[in-house]
Amino acid sequence: MNCSDHNNCTEDICNGTGCIHLYKNCDDDNACTAEHCDGLSGTCQYTEVICDDQNNCTEEYCNSTLGCIHLPKDCDDNNTCTEEYCNSLSGICEYTQVKCDDQDKCTEDHCDAILGCWFTKITNCTTTTTGGGNNNGTEPAPRENPVGSLAGFWNLFKVLEGLMGEKAEDVSISVVSSVGVFSVLGIIILCVLSIFLLLRAHPPKADGKYVAL
């Protein structure tokens, strides 16, 4: 019995019950090739598999067992102070500097290529939160005014008591210089000081009367 189907890519056999036409097996067990049988010659032919996924930011290759593999492009520059990404249009790796701002005005911000962000405290820096101002709520530590409160007046008189061994003129000069203000407050303090020194220099007599100047 003639079992030919006139197809060069089949194997025609007769098994006793009839004709069987088996398609020629061209599998080369390679996932990276596409195989087919040429109908004219009856021979197996192989073409390489193209693994291009049309993505500029992937690297593709073919594994003979697994087939096409697509991996994200490695843009790591081993620098923790940069953020890296792949430009999908150009396929080029691009890098931007990491911002190490910790939102603390009293620290200096640094970036180490290995360790990443780190911060150092600024000496003698104090932050205070206020409702206004032109420095984003950050101000230096307030300096106390020696004559700006009742406690300041008390401290002023303590200074006077400590200086009473000096001449009145020296005391006046020292205190006025420390006040350092030419204002109504300064004038008032100067008057009080003058009365204080006057009473110290000319205390009242035993009968309560003052010595005539």
Protein backbone atom coordinates (compact mmCIF):
# COMPACT_ATOMS: atom_id res chain seq x y z
CA MET A 1 0.00 0.00 0.00
CA ASN A 2 1.35 3.40 -0.94
CA CYS A 3 0.91 5.74 2.05
CA SER A 4 2.58 8.81 0.59
CA ASP A 5 0.72 12.04 1.23
CA HIS A 6 3.14 13.93 -0.99
CA ASN A 7 4.21 16.05 1.97
CA ASN A 8 7.93 16.17 2.47
CA CYS A 9 7.51 17.13 6.10
CA THR A 10 5.63 14.02 7.11
CA GLU A 11 6.77 10.47 7.58
CA ASP A 12 4.34 8.08 6.06
CA ILE A 13 4.05 4.61 7.53
CA CYS A 14 1.62 1.76 7.41
CA ASN A 15 0.97 -0.02 10.67
CA GLY A 16 -1.22 -2.81 9.31
CA THR A 17 -4.45 -1.07 9.92
CA GLY A 18 -3.83 1.73 7.53
CA CYS A 19 -1.56 4.66 6.69
CA ILE A 20 -0.22 6.97 9.34
CA HIS A 21 1.36 10.33 8.56
CA LEU A 22 3.60 11.69 11.29
CA TYR A 23 4.83 15.26 11.12
CA LYS A 24 8.61 15.43 11.07
CA ASN A 25 10.05 16.27 14.50
CA CYS A 26 12.44 19.22 14.10
CA ASP A 27 12.71 20.09 17.80
CA ASP A 28 16.36 20.69 18.73
CA ASP A 29 15.55 21.18 22.45
CA ASN A 30 16.77 24.75 22.24
CA ALA A 31 14.35 27.41 23.48
CA CYS A 32 16.33 30.05 21.63
CA THR A 33 15.58 28.73 18.18
CA ALA A 34 12.38 28.54 16.21
CA GLU A 35 12.27 25.43 14.08
CA HIS A 36 10.19 24.37 11.10
CA CYS A 37 10.23 21.89 8.25
CA ASP A 38 10.76 23.13 4.75
CA GLY A 39 7.95 21.77 2.63
CA LEU A 40 10.04 21.64 -0.55
CA SER A 41 13.17 19.98 0.77
CA GLY A 42 11.68 18.22 3.76
CA THR A 43 14.54 19.37 5.93
CA CYS A 44 14.34 21.03 9.35
CA GLN A 45 15.36 24.65 9.49
CA TYR A 46 16.08 26.83 12.48
CA THR A 47 15.97 30.59 13.13
CA GLU A 48 17.15 32.45 16.18
CA VAL A 49 14.50 33.72 18.55
CA ILE A 50 14.40 37.53 18.85
CA CYS A 51 13.94 38.57 22.49
CA ASP A 52 13.52 42.31 21.94
CA ASP A 53 10.64 43.61 24.10
CA GLN A 54 10.87 47.14 22.67
CA ASN A 55 11.85 48.47 26.08
CA ASN A 56 15.04 50.54 26.17
CA CYS A 57 15.40 50.05 29.91
CA THR A 58 15.60 46.27 29.88
CA GLU A 59 18.46 43.99 28.98
CA GLU A 60 17.29 40.84 27.26
CA TYR A 61 18.95 37.57 26.46
CA CYS A 62 17.91 34.08 25.63
CA ASN A 63 18.49 31.03 27.77
CA SER A 64 18.53 27.81 25.82
CA THR A 65 16.32 26.21 28.45
CA LEU A 66 14.14 29.08 29.70
CA GLY A 67 13.92 31.11 26.54
CA CYS A 68 13.84 34.94 26.52
CA ILE A 69 14.69 36.73 29.73
CA HIS A 70 14.25 40.49 30.26
CA LEU A 71 16.08 42.20 33.11
CA PRO A 72 15.80 45.85 34.22
CA LYS A 73 18.84 47.83 33.17
CA ASP A 74 21.31 48.12 36.03
CA CYS A 75 21.97 51.82 36.65
CA ASP A 76 23.46 51.42 40.10
CA ASP A 77 26.59 53.59 40.40
CA ASN A 78 27.34 52.30 43.94
CA ASN A 79 26.88 55.82 45.28
CA THR A 80 24.26 56.21 48.04
CA CYS A 81 24.22 59.96 47.43
CA THR A 82 22.57 59.59 44.02
CA GLU A 83 19.21 58.32 42.89
CA GLU A 84 19.42 56.50 39.59
CA TYR A 85 16.85 55.66 36.97
CA CYS A 86 16.72 54.67 33.32
CA ASN A 87 15.34 57.05 30.73
CA SER A 88 12.76 54.98 28.85
CA LEU A 89 13.21 57.05 25.68
CA SER A 90 16.98 56.99 25.42
CA GLY A 91 17.79 53.93 27.51
CA ILE A 92 20.50 55.96 29.24
CA CYS A 93 21.00 55.85 32.99
CA GLU A 94 20.49 59.19 34.68
CA TYR A 95 21.34 60.31 38.21
CA THR A 96 20.06 62.96 40.63
CA GLN A 97 21.63 64.08 43.89
CA VAL A 98 20.01 62.82 47.09
CA LYS A 99 18.60 65.58 49.32
CA CYS A 100 19.68 65.04 52.90
CA ASP A 101 17.62 67.85 54.47
CA ASP A 102 16.38 66.75 57.92
CA GLN A 103 14.33 69.96 58.34
CA ASP A 104 16.48 70.93 61.33
CA LYS A 105 18.01 74.40 61.06
CA CYS A 106 20.54 73.52 63.75
CA THR A 107 22.20 70.71 61.82
CA GLU A 108 24.55 70.63 58.87
CA ASP A 109 23.46 68.04 56.31
CA HIS A 110 26.02 65.82 54.62
CA CYS A 111 25.99 62.83 52.31
CA ASP A 112 28.63 60.12 52.24
CA ALA A 113 28.92 58.02 49.09
CA ILE A 114 28.99 54.86 51.20
CA LEU A 115 27.07 55.70 54.39
CA GLY A 116 24.45 58.00 52.89
CA CYS A 117 22.96 60.98 54.70
CA TRP A 118 24.35 62.10 58.04
CA PHE A 119 23.94 65.23 60.12
CA THR A 120 26.07 67.23 62.58
CA LYS A 121 24.82 69.63 65.22
CA ILE A 122 25.66 73.33 64.86
CA THR A 123 27.25 74.66 68.05
CA ASN A 124 25.26 77.24 70.04
CA CYS A 125 22.24 76.96 67.76
CA THR A 126 18.74 77.02 69.23
CA THR A 127 15.46 76.81 67.36
CA THR A 128 12.23 78.33 68.61
CA THR A 129 8.81 78.07 67.01
CA THR A 130 7.09 81.42 66.65
CA GLY A 131 3.99 82.69 64.92
CA GLY A 132 5.84 85.00 62.60
CA GLY A 133 9.25 86.32 61.75
CA ASN A 134 11.32 86.22 58.62
CA ASN A 135 13.46 83.23 59.44
CA ASN A 136 10.97 80.37 59.23
CA GLY A 137 10.43 80.19 62.97
CA THR A 138 14.10 79.79 63.75
CA GLU A 139 15.71 82.37 66.00
CA PRO A 140 18.85 82.50 68.12
CA ALA A 141 18.51 81.99 71.85
CA PRO A 142 17.12 85.20 73.43
CA ARG A 143 19.51 87.39 75.39
CA GLU A 144 18.18 88.72 78.64
CA ASN A 145 17.96 92.47 79.08
CA PRO A 146 19.42 93.34 82.53
CA VAL A 147 16.94 96.20 82.93
CA GLY A 148 14.00 94.81 80.97
CA SER A 149 12.02 93.48 83.96
CA LEU A 150 11.54 93.83 87.71
CA ALA A 151 14.18 91.17 88.16
CA GLY A 152 16.52 93.39 86.17
CA PHE A 153 15.96 96.30 88.57
CA TRP A 154 16.61 94.01 91.51
CA ASN A 155 19.86 92.83 89.95
CA LEU A 156 20.82 96.44 89.27
CA PHE A 157 20.48 97.39 92.93
CA LYS A 158 22.46 94.32 93.91
CA VAL A 159 25.22 95.58 91.67
CA LEU A 160 25.06 98.96 93.36
CA GLU A 161 25.37 97.44 96.79
CA GLY A 162 28.40 95.51 95.70
CA LEU A 163 30.03 98.61 94.30
CA MET A 164 29.43 100.97 97.23
CA GLY A 165 33.09 100.74 98.20
CA GLU A 166 33.91 102.69 95.05
CA LYS A 167 33.47 106.38 94.47
CA ALA A 168 30.02 107.55 93.50
CA GLU A 169 31.29 108.84 90.17
CA ASP A 170 32.78 105.42 89.29
CA VAL A 171 29.57 103.64 90.21
CA SER A 172 27.52 106.00 88.03
CA ILE A 173 29.80 105.50 85.07
CA SER A 174 29.82 101.70 85.46
CA VAL A 175 26.06 101.33 85.70
CA VAL A 176 25.22 103.82 82.96
CA SER A 177 27.71 102.08 80.67
CA SER A 178 26.15 98.68 81.42
CA VAL A 179 22.65 99.98 80.68
CA GLY A 180 23.86 101.31 77.33
CA VAL A 181 20.51 102.85 76.33
CA PHE A 182 19.64 106.48 75.70
CA SER A 183 15.94 106.28 76.14
CA VAL A 184 13.23 107.21 78.61
CA LEU A 185 13.97 104.03 80.51
CA GLY A 186 17.63 104.91 80.70
CA ILE A 187 16.84 108.39 82.03
CA ILE A 188 14.53 106.98 84.71
CA ILE A 189 17.18 104.49 85.80
CA LEU A 190 19.77 107.27 85.92
CA CYS A 191 17.50 109.38 88.16
CA VAL A 192 16.83 106.48 90.51
CA LEU A 193 20.54 105.76 90.59
CA SER A 194 21.37 109.36 91.44
CA ILE A 195 18.88 109.39 94.32
CA PHE A 196 20.25 106.09 95.57
CA LEU A 197 23.84 107.38 95.55
CA LEU A 198 22.77 110.63 97.15
CA LEU A 199 21.10 108.81 100.05
CA ARG A 200 24.14 106.64 100.48
CA ALA A 201 26.48 109.63 100.57
CA HIS A 202 24.23 111.73 102.87
CA PRO A 203 22.18 109.49 105.17
CA PRO A 204 19.48 111.09 107.40
CA LYS A 205 20.29 112.17 110.94
CA ALA A 206 18.96 110.42 114.00
CA ASP A 207 16.04 112.89 114.16
CA GLY A 208 14.99 111.91 110.63
CA LYS A 209 16.20 115.14 109.01
CA TYR A 210 18.56 115.13 106.06
CA VAL A 211 21.88 116.96 106.00
CA ALA A 212 21.66 120.16 104.01
CA LEU A 213 23.75 120.05 100.85
